[in-house]
Amino acid sequence: MNMDELILELKQEIIKVLNLEGMTPEEIADDGELFGQGLGLDSIDALELIVLLEKNYGIKLQNPAQGKEIFKSVRVMAEFIHANRTK
């Protein structure tokens, strides 16, 4: 799976897991912030993303504070997954 495919898959998963009804993958910028000014996600959403990483890609975050860096944007998430996935 190349990076573009992984980014698209991630966007689709984020929409599904966070119940972002009516939103399409194209509406989520690859490099846009997921929290704050970007999608405006919150701490509950962060927990959902941590579960998504573990369930879909076999990545268990040892330190939840890591999430702040990893969840900066979809591209940063994809790069982290690409480098660390176990499934």
PDB file of N, CA and C in Angstrom:
ATOM      1  N   MET A   1       0.852  -1.182   0.000  1.00  0.00           N
ATOM      2  CA  MET A   1       0.000   0.000   0.000  1.00  0.00           C
ATOM      3  C   MET A   1       0.890   1.235   0.000  1.00  0.00           C
ATOM      4  N   ASN A   2       0.658   2.110  -0.971  1.00  0.00           N
ATOM      5  CA  ASN A   2       1.482   3.320  -1.011  1.00  0.00           C
ATOM      6  C   ASN A   2       0.905   4.384  -0.062  1.00  0.00           C
ATOM      7  N   MET A   3       1.633   5.471   0.088  1.00  0.00           N
ATOM      8  CA  MET A   3       1.251   6.510   1.055  1.00  0.00           C
ATOM      9  C   MET A   3      -0.104   7.135   0.724  1.00  0.00           C
ATOM     10  N   ASP A   4      -0.374   7.388  -0.561  1.00  0.00           N
ATOM     11  CA  ASP A   4      -1.658   7.984  -0.944  1.00  0.00           C
ATOM     12  C   ASP A   4      -2.824   7.069  -0.584  1.00  0.00           C
ATOM     13  N   GLU A   5      -2.653   5.769  -0.801  1.00  0.00           N
ATOM     14  CA  GLU A   5      -3.694   4.802  -0.451  1.00  0.00           C
ATOM     15  C   GLU A   5      -3.905   4.760   1.062  1.00  0.00           C
ATOM     16  N   LEU A   6      -2.808   4.799   1.806  1.00  0.00           N
ATOM     17  CA  LEU A   6      -2.891   4.781   3.261  1.00  0.00           C
ATOM     18  C   LEU A   6      -3.590   6.047   3.772  1.00  0.00           C
ATOM     19  N   ILE A   7      -3.257   7.201   3.197  1.00  0.00           N
ATOM     20  CA  ILE A   7      -3.891   8.454   3.605  1.00  0.00           C
ATOM     21  C   ILE A   7      -5.396   8.396   3.341  1.00  0.00           C
ATOM     22  N   LEU A   8      -5.800   7.889   2.175  1.00  0.00           N
ATOM     23  CA  LEU A   8      -7.230   7.777   1.862  1.00  0.00           C
ATOM     24  C   LEU A   8      -7.916   6.819   2.823  1.00  0.00           C
ATOM     25  N   GLU A   9      -7.293   5.673   3.086  1.00  0.00           N
ATOM     26  CA  GLU A   9      -7.853   4.697   4.014  1.00  0.00           C
ATOM     27  C   GLU A   9      -8.024   5.323   5.401  1.00  0.00           C
ATOM     28  N   LEU A  10      -7.007   6.052   5.844  1.00  0.00           N
ATOM     29  CA  LEU A  10      -7.066   6.710   7.149  1.00  0.00           C
ATOM     30  C   LEU A  10      -8.211   7.712   7.226  1.00  0.00           C
ATOM     31  N   LYS A  11      -8.372   8.511   6.191  1.00  0.00           N
ATOM     32  CA  LYS A  11      -9.459   9.490   6.167  1.00  0.00           C
ATOM     33  C   LYS A  11     -10.805   8.789   6.273  1.00  0.00           C
ATOM     34  N   GLN A  12     -10.958   7.690   5.530  1.00  0.00           N
ATOM     35  CA  GLN A  12     -12.216   6.937   5.579  1.00  0.00           C
ATOM     36  C   GLN A  12     -12.454   6.374   6.978  1.00  0.00           C
ATOM     37  N   GLU A  13     -11.400   5.859   7.611  1.00  0.00           N
ATOM     38  CA  GLU A  13     -11.519   5.309   8.963  1.00  0.00           C
ATOM     39  C   GLU A  13     -11.846   6.400   9.979  1.00  0.00           C
ATOM     40  N   ILE A  14     -11.205   7.556   9.850  1.00  0.00           N
ATOM     41  CA  ILE A  14     -11.461   8.668  10.772  1.00  0.00           C
ATOM     42  C   ILE A  14     -12.933   9.088  10.673  1.00  0.00           C
ATOM     43  N   ILE A  15     -13.443   9.198   9.456  1.00  0.00           N
ATOM     44  CA  ILE A  15     -14.847   9.581   9.259  1.00  0.00           C
ATOM     45  C   ILE A  15     -15.768   8.550   9.911  1.00  0.00           C
ATOM     46  N   LYS A  16     -15.461   7.262   9.708  1.00  0.00           N
ATOM     47  CA  LYS A  16     -16.302   6.193  10.252  1.00  0.00           C
ATOM     48  C   LYS A  16     -16.227   6.141  11.776  1.00  0.00           C
ATOM     49  N   VAL A  17     -15.012   6.100  12.310  1.00  0.00           N
ATOM     50  CA  VAL A  17     -14.810   5.941  13.755  1.00  0.00           C
ATOM     51  C   VAL A  17     -15.340   7.140  14.545  1.00  0.00           C
ATOM     52  N   LEU A  18     -15.173   8.343  13.992  1.00  0.00           N
ATOM     53  CA  LEU A  18     -15.583   9.554  14.720  1.00  0.00           C
ATOM     54  C   LEU A  18     -16.976  10.036  14.315  1.00  0.00           C
ATOM     55  N   ASN A  19     -17.678   9.218  13.521  1.00  0.00           N
ATOM     56  CA  ASN A  19     -19.047   9.557  13.101  1.00  0.00           C
ATOM     57  C   ASN A  19     -19.152  10.953  12.501  1.00  0.00           C
ATOM     58  N   LEU A  20     -18.250  11.261  11.580  1.00  0.00           N
ATOM     59  CA  LEU A  20     -18.270  12.572  10.919  1.00  0.00           C
ATOM     60  C   LEU A  20     -19.204  12.491   9.708  1.00  0.00           C
ATOM     61  N   GLU A  21     -20.500  12.306  10.002  1.00  0.00           N
ATOM     62  CA  GLU A  21     -21.487  12.127   8.940  1.00  0.00           C
ATOM     63  C   GLU A  21     -21.481  13.303   7.981  1.00  0.00           C
ATOM     64  N   GLY A  22     -21.662  12.993   6.716  1.00  0.00           N
ATOM     65  CA  GLY A  22     -21.745  14.031   5.709  1.00  0.00           C
ATOM     66  C   GLY A  22     -20.391  14.556   5.252  1.00  0.00           C
ATOM     67  N   MET A  23     -19.323  14.057   5.855  1.00  0.00           N
ATOM     68  CA  MET A  23     -17.987  14.508   5.465  1.00  0.00           C
ATOM     69  C   MET A  23     -17.376  13.478   4.526  1.00  0.00           C
ATOM     70  N   THR A  24     -16.649  13.947   3.519  1.00  0.00           N
ATOM     71  CA  THR A  24     -15.978  13.042   2.586  1.00  0.00           C
ATOM     72  C   THR A  24     -14.471  13.106   2.817  1.00  0.00           C
ATOM     73  N   PRO A  25     -13.747  12.058   2.413  1.00  0.00           N
ATOM     74  CA  PRO A  25     -12.292  12.076   2.573  1.00  0.00           C
ATOM     75  C   PRO A  25     -11.647  13.299   1.914  1.00  0.00           C
ATOM     76  N   GLU A  26     -12.225  13.748   0.809  1.00  0.00           N
ATOM     77  CA  GLU A  26     -11.669  14.897   0.091  1.00  0.00           C
ATOM     78  C   GLU A  26     -11.741  16.183   0.922  1.00  0.00           C
ATOM     79  N   GLU A  27     -12.664  16.227   1.878  1.00  0.00           N
ATOM     80  CA  GLU A  27     -12.822  17.424   2.703  1.00  0.00           C
ATOM     81  C   GLU A  27     -11.797  17.509   3.838  1.00  0.00           C
ATOM     82  N   ILE A  28     -11.071  16.418   4.051  1.00  0.00           N
ATOM     83  CA  ILE A  28     -10.039  16.405   5.092  1.00  0.00           C
ATOM     84  C   ILE A  28      -8.695  16.635   4.417  1.00  0.00           C
ATOM     85  N   ALA A  29      -8.049  17.748   4.745  1.00  0.00           N
ATOM     86  CA  ALA A  29      -6.751  18.068   4.140  1.00  0.00           C
ATOM     87  C   ALA A  29      -5.682  17.110   4.669  1.00  0.00           C
ATOM     88  N   ASP A  30      -4.822  16.636   3.765  1.00  0.00           N
ATOM     89  CA  ASP A  30      -3.749  15.717   4.161  1.00  0.00           C
ATOM     90  C   ASP A  30      -2.890  16.319   5.271  1.00  0.00           C
ATOM     91  N   ASP A  31      -2.597  17.611   5.156  1.00  0.00           N
ATOM     92  CA  ASP A  31      -1.705  18.273   6.112  1.00  0.00           C
ATOM     93  C   ASP A  31      -2.450  19.206   7.064  1.00  0.00           C
ATOM     94  N   GLY A  32      -3.771  19.178   7.033  1.00  0.00           N
ATOM     95  CA  GLY A  32      -4.561  20.031   7.924  1.00  0.00           C
ATOM     96  C   GLY A  32      -4.546  19.500   9.346  1.00  0.00           C
ATOM     97  N   GLU A  33      -4.630  20.381  10.302  1.00  0.00           N
ATOM     98  CA  GLU A  33      -4.661  19.978  11.705  1.00  0.00           C
ATOM     99  C   GLU A  33      -5.920  19.179  11.991  1.00  0.00           C
ATOM    100  N   LEU A  34      -5.769  18.120  12.798  1.00  0.00           N
ATOM    101  CA  LEU A  34      -6.934  17.338  13.189  1.00  0.00           C
ATOM    102  C   LEU A  34      -7.608  17.952  14.410  1.00  0.00           C
ATOM    103  N   PHE A  35      -6.814  18.597  15.242  1.00  0.00           N
ATOM    104  CA  PHE A  35      -7.343  19.230  16.453  1.00  0.00           C
ATOM    105  C   PHE A  35      -7.268  20.736  16.286  1.00  0.00           C
ATOM    106  N   GLY A  36      -7.928  21.491  17.149  1.00  0.00           N
ATOM    107  CA  GLY A  36      -7.855  22.947  17.068  1.00  0.00           C
ATOM    108  C   GLY A  36      -8.533  23.476  15.821  1.00  0.00           C
ATOM    109  N   GLN A  37      -7.803  24.267  15.049  1.00  0.00           N
ATOM    110  CA  GLN A  37      -8.366  24.955  13.879  1.00  0.00           C
ATOM    111  C   GLN A  37      -8.804  24.017  12.757  1.00  0.00           C
ATOM    112  N   GLY A  38      -8.217  22.846  12.685  1.00  0.00           N
ATOM    113  CA  GLY A  38      -8.533  21.931  11.579  1.00  0.00           C
ATOM    114  C   GLY A  38      -9.902  21.311  11.720  1.00  0.00           C
ATOM    115  N   LEU A  39      -9.943  20.008  11.955  1.00  0.00           N
ATOM    116  CA  LEU A  39     -11.220  19.306  12.111  1.00  0.00           C
ATOM    117  C   LEU A  39     -11.875  19.616  13.445  1.00  0.00           C
ATOM    118  N   GLY A  40     -11.112  20.158  14.384  1.00  0.00           N
ATOM    119  CA  GLY A  40     -11.675  20.497  15.686  1.00  0.00           C
ATOM    120  C   GLY A  40     -11.954  19.286  16.559  1.00  0.00           C
ATOM    121  N   LEU A  41     -11.131  18.250  16.431  1.00  0.00           N
ATOM    122  CA  LEU A  41     -11.322  17.056  17.257  1.00  0.00           C
ATOM    123  C   LEU A  41     -10.999  17.364  18.713  1.00  0.00           C
ATOM    124  N   ASP A  42     -11.509  16.507  19.618  1.00  0.00           N
ATOM    125  CA  ASP A  42     -11.264  16.711  21.047  1.00  0.00           C
ATOM    126  C   ASP A  42     -10.595  15.483  21.668  1.00  0.00           C
ATOM    127  N   SER A  43     -10.455  15.494  22.992  1.00  0.00           N
ATOM    128  CA  SER A  43      -9.720  14.420  23.670  1.00  0.00           C
ATOM    129  C   SER A  43     -10.417  13.064  23.533  1.00  0.00           C
ATOM    130  N   ILE A  44     -11.736  13.040  23.471  1.00  0.00           N
ATOM    131  CA  ILE A  44     -12.459  11.775  23.259  1.00  0.00           C
ATOM    132  C   ILE A  44     -12.111  11.225  21.873  1.00  0.00           C
ATOM    133  N   ASP A  45     -12.057  12.118  20.891  1.00  0.00           N
ATOM    134  CA  ASP A  45     -11.673  11.703  19.540  1.00  0.00           C
ATOM    135  C   ASP A  45     -10.256  11.137  19.529  1.00  0.00           C
ATOM    136  N   ALA A  46      -9.371  11.727  20.310  1.00  0.00           N
ATOM    137  CA  ALA A  46      -7.986  11.242  20.392  1.00  0.00           C
ATOM    138  C   ALA A  46      -7.964   9.798  20.885  1.00  0.00           C
ATOM    139  N   LEU A  47      -8.785   9.488  21.880  1.00  0.00           N
ATOM    140  CA  LEU A  47      -8.857   8.110  22.393  1.00  0.00           C
ATOM    141  C   LEU A  47      -9.338   7.165  21.304  1.00  0.00           C
ATOM    142  N   GLU A  48     -10.321   7.608  20.520  1.00  0.00           N
ATOM    143  CA  GLU A  48     -10.820   6.791  19.409  1.00  0.00           C
ATOM    144  C   GLU A  48      -9.718   6.538  18.383  1.00  0.00           C
ATOM    145  N   LEU A  49      -8.896   7.555  18.122  1.00  0.00           N
ATOM    146  CA  LEU A  49      -7.800   7.391  17.157  1.00  0.00           C
ATOM    147  C   LEU A  49      -6.743   6.425  17.688  1.00  0.00           C
ATOM    148  N   ILE A  50      -6.488   6.458  18.992  1.00  0.00           N
ATOM    149  CA  ILE A  50      -5.538   5.524  19.615  1.00  0.00           C
ATOM    150  C   ILE A  50      -6.041   4.090  19.437  1.00  0.00           C
ATOM    151  N   VAL A  51      -7.348   3.875  19.655  1.00  0.00           N
ATOM    152  CA  VAL A  51      -7.949   2.549  19.471  1.00  0.00           C
ATOM    153  C   VAL A  51      -7.847   2.133  18.002  1.00  0.00           C
ATOM    154  N   LEU A  52      -8.101   3.057  17.094  1.00  0.00           N
ATOM    155  CA  LEU A  52      -8.012   2.783  15.662  1.00  0.00           C
ATOM    156  C   LEU A  52      -6.601   2.310  15.286  1.00  0.00           C
ATOM    157  N   LEU A  53      -5.576   2.992  15.795  1.00  0.00           N
ATOM    158  CA  LEU A  53      -4.189   2.602  15.507  1.00  0.00           C
ATOM    159  C   LEU A  53      -3.922   1.173  15.960  1.00  0.00           C
ATOM    160  N   GLU A  54      -4.413   0.844  17.158  1.00  0.00           N
ATOM    161  CA  GLU A  54      -4.150  -0.485  17.701  1.00  0.00           C
ATOM    162  C   GLU A  54      -4.930  -1.562  16.945  1.00  0.00           C
ATOM    163  N   LYS A  55      -6.219  -1.305  16.718  1.00  0.00           N
ATOM    164  CA  LYS A  55      -7.090  -2.291  16.084  1.00  0.00           C
ATOM    165  C   LYS A  55      -6.732  -2.522  14.616  1.00  0.00           C
ATOM    166  N   ASN A  56      -6.518  -1.464  13.866  1.00  0.00           N
ATOM    167  CA  ASN A  56      -6.314  -1.597  12.425  1.00  0.00           C
ATOM    168  C   ASN A  56      -4.863  -1.841  12.022  1.00  0.00           C
ATOM    169  N   TYR A  57      -3.930  -1.321  12.816  1.00  0.00           N
ATOM    170  CA  TYR A  57      -2.528  -1.363  12.381  1.00  0.00           C
ATOM    171  C   TYR A  57      -1.591  -2.024  13.389  1.00  0.00           C
ATOM    172  N   GLY A  58      -2.128  -2.497  14.508  1.00  0.00           N
ATOM    173  CA  GLY A  58      -1.308  -3.191  15.492  1.00  0.00           C
ATOM    174  C   GLY A  58      -0.327  -2.286  16.222  1.00  0.00           C
ATOM    175  N   ILE A  59      -0.628  -0.988  16.263  1.00  0.00           N
ATOM    176  CA  ILE A  59       0.266  -0.030  16.914  1.00  0.00           C
ATOM    177  C   ILE A  59      -0.313   0.353  18.268  1.00  0.00           C
ATOM    178  N   LYS A  60       0.446   0.041  19.310  1.00  0.00           N
ATOM    179  CA  LYS A  60       0.013   0.407  20.662  1.00  0.00           C
ATOM    180  C   LYS A  60       0.895   1.551  21.144  1.00  0.00           C
ATOM    181  N   LEU A  61       0.275   2.687  21.442  1.00  0.00           N
ATOM    182  CA  LEU A  61       1.042   3.830  21.942  1.00  0.00           C
ATOM    183  C   LEU A  61       1.410   3.572  23.395  1.00  0.00           C
ATOM    184  N   GLN A  62       2.692   3.617  23.684  1.00  0.00           N
ATOM    185  CA  GLN A  62       3.157   3.410  25.054  1.00  0.00           C
ATOM    186  C   GLN A  62       2.854   4.627  25.911  1.00  0.00           C
ATOM    187  N   ASN A  63       2.884   5.788  25.284  1.00  0.00           N
ATOM    188  CA  ASN A  63       2.684   7.034  26.007  1.00  0.00           C
ATOM    189  C   ASN A  63       1.600   7.834  25.284  1.00  0.00           C
ATOM    190  N   PRO A  64       0.422   8.011  25.922  1.00  0.00           N
ATOM    191  CA  PRO A  64      -0.659   8.747  25.257  1.00  0.00           C
ATOM    192  C   PRO A  64      -0.252  10.145  24.805  1.00  0.00           C
ATOM    193  N   ALA A  65       0.751  10.738  25.425  1.00  0.00           N
ATOM    194  CA  ALA A  65       1.214  12.069  25.017  1.00  0.00           C
ATOM    195  C   ALA A  65       1.800  12.019  23.608  1.00  0.00           C
ATOM    196  N   GLN A  66       2.248  10.832  23.186  1.00  0.00           N
ATOM    197  CA  GLN A  66       2.739  10.643  21.823  1.00  0.00           C
ATOM    198  C   GLN A  66       1.669  11.019  20.817  1.00  0.00           C
ATOM    199  N   GLY A  67       0.419  10.782  21.195  1.00  0.00           N
ATOM    200  CA  GLY A  67      -0.695  11.048  20.293  1.00  0.00           C
ATOM    201  C   GLY A  67      -0.708  12.477  19.793  1.00  0.00           C
ATOM    202  N   LYS A  68      -0.311  13.402  20.636  1.00  0.00           N
ATOM    203  CA  LYS A  68      -0.335  14.815  20.247  1.00  0.00           C
ATOM    204  C   LYS A  68       0.516  15.057  19.001  1.00  0.00           C
ATOM    205  N   GLU A  69       1.663  14.417  18.936  1.00  0.00           N
ATOM    206  CA  GLU A  69       2.530  14.552  17.758  1.00  0.00           C
ATOM    207  C   GLU A  69       2.001  13.727  16.576  1.00  0.00           C
ATOM    208  N   ILE A  70       1.597  12.498  16.858  1.00  0.00           N
ATOM    209  CA  ILE A  70       1.165  11.584  15.801  1.00  0.00           C
ATOM    210  C   ILE A  70      -0.110  12.079  15.123  1.00  0.00           C
ATOM    211  N   PHE A  71      -1.014  12.664  15.907  1.00  0.00           N
ATOM    212  CA  PHE A  71      -2.305  13.092  15.372  1.00  0.00           C
ATOM    213  C   PHE A  71      -2.299  14.538  14.890  1.00  0.00           C
ATOM    214  N   LYS A  72      -1.135  15.042  14.561  1.00  0.00           N
ATOM    215  CA  LYS A  72      -1.020  16.419  14.061  1.00  0.00           C
ATOM    216  C   LYS A  72      -1.793  16.596  12.759  1.00  0.00           C
ATOM    217  N   SER A  73      -1.665  15.634  11.852  1.00  0.00           N
ATOM    218  CA  SER A  73      -2.393  15.667  10.577  1.00  0.00           C
ATOM    219  C   SER A  73      -2.532  14.232  10.073  1.00  0.00           C
ATOM    220  N   VAL A  74      -3.356  14.053   9.058  1.00  0.00           N
ATOM    221  CA  VAL A  74      -3.514  12.719   8.470  1.00  0.00           C
ATOM    222  C   VAL A  74      -2.184  12.243   7.881  1.00  0.00           C
ATOM    223  N   ARG A  75      -1.436  13.140   7.242  1.00  0.00           N
ATOM    224  CA  ARG A  75      -0.149  12.742   6.653  1.00  0.00           C
ATOM    225  C   ARG A  75       0.823  12.271   7.733  1.00  0.00           C
ATOM    226  N   VAL A  76       0.902  12.982   8.853  1.00  0.00           N
ATOM    227  CA  VAL A  76       1.802  12.579   9.945  1.00  0.00           C
ATOM    228  C   VAL A  76       1.369  11.219  10.498  1.00  0.00           C
ATOM    229  N   MET A  77       0.062  11.018  10.648  1.00  0.00           N
ATOM    230  CA  MET A  77      -0.446   9.714  11.099  1.00  0.00           C
ATOM    231  C   MET A  77      -0.041   8.619  10.126  1.00  0.00           C
ATOM    232  N   ALA A  78      -0.216   8.879   8.833  1.00  0.00           N
ATOM    233  CA  ALA A  78       0.100   7.877   7.809  1.00  0.00           C
ATOM    234  C   ALA A  78       1.584   7.527   7.839  1.00  0.00           C
ATOM    235  N   GLU A  79       2.432   8.531   7.990  1.00  0.00           N
ATOM    236  CA  GLU A  79       3.876   8.281   8.050  1.00  0.00           C
ATOM    237  C   GLU A  79       4.232   7.447   9.272  1.00  0.00           C
ATOM    238  N   PHE A  80       3.594   7.743  10.401  1.00  0.00           N
ATOM    239  CA  PHE A  80       3.834   6.978  11.632  1.00  0.00           C
ATOM    240  C   PHE A  80       3.370   5.528  11.454  1.00  0.00           C
ATOM    241  N   ILE A  81       2.182   5.355  10.880  1.00  0.00           N
ATOM    242  CA  ILE A  81       1.649   4.012  10.652  1.00  0.00           C
ATOM    243  C   ILE A  81       2.556   3.250   9.702  1.00  0.00           C
ATOM    244  N   HIS A  82       2.958   3.880   8.619  1.00  0.00           N
ATOM    245  CA  HIS A  82       3.822   3.243   7.622  1.00  0.00           C
ATOM    246  C   HIS A  82       5.116   2.735   8.269  1.00  0.00           C
ATOM    247  N   ALA A  83       5.660   3.493   9.191  1.00  0.00           N
ATOM    248  CA  ALA A  83       6.928   3.135   9.829  1.00  0.00           C
ATOM    249  C   ALA A  83       6.768   2.124  10.954  1.00  0.00           C
ATOM    250  N   ASN A  84       5.560   2.033  11.556  1.00  0.00           N
ATOM    251  CA  ASN A  84       5.405   1.242  12.790  1.00  0.00           C
ATOM    252  C   ASN A  84       4.359   0.136  12.744  1.00  0.00           C
ATOM    253  N   ARG A  85       3.644   0.002  11.655  1.00  0.00           N
ATOM    254  CA  ARG A  85       2.526  -0.957  11.645  1.00  0.00           C
ATOM    255  C   ARG A  85       3.017  -2.393  11.802  1.00  0.00           C
ATOM    256  N   THR A  86       2.196  -3.208  12.453  1.00  0.00           N
ATOM    257  CA  THR A  86       2.515  -4.624  12.597  1.00  0.00           C
ATOM    258  C   THR A  86       1.475  -5.479  11.869  1.00  0.00           C
ATOM    259  N   LYS A  87       0.426  -4.838  11.334  1.00  0.00           N
ATOM    260  CA  LYS A  87      -0.553  -5.578  10.517  1.00  0.00           C
ATOM    261  C   LYS A  87      -1.142  -4.695   9.466  1.00  0.00           C
TER     262      LYS A  87
END
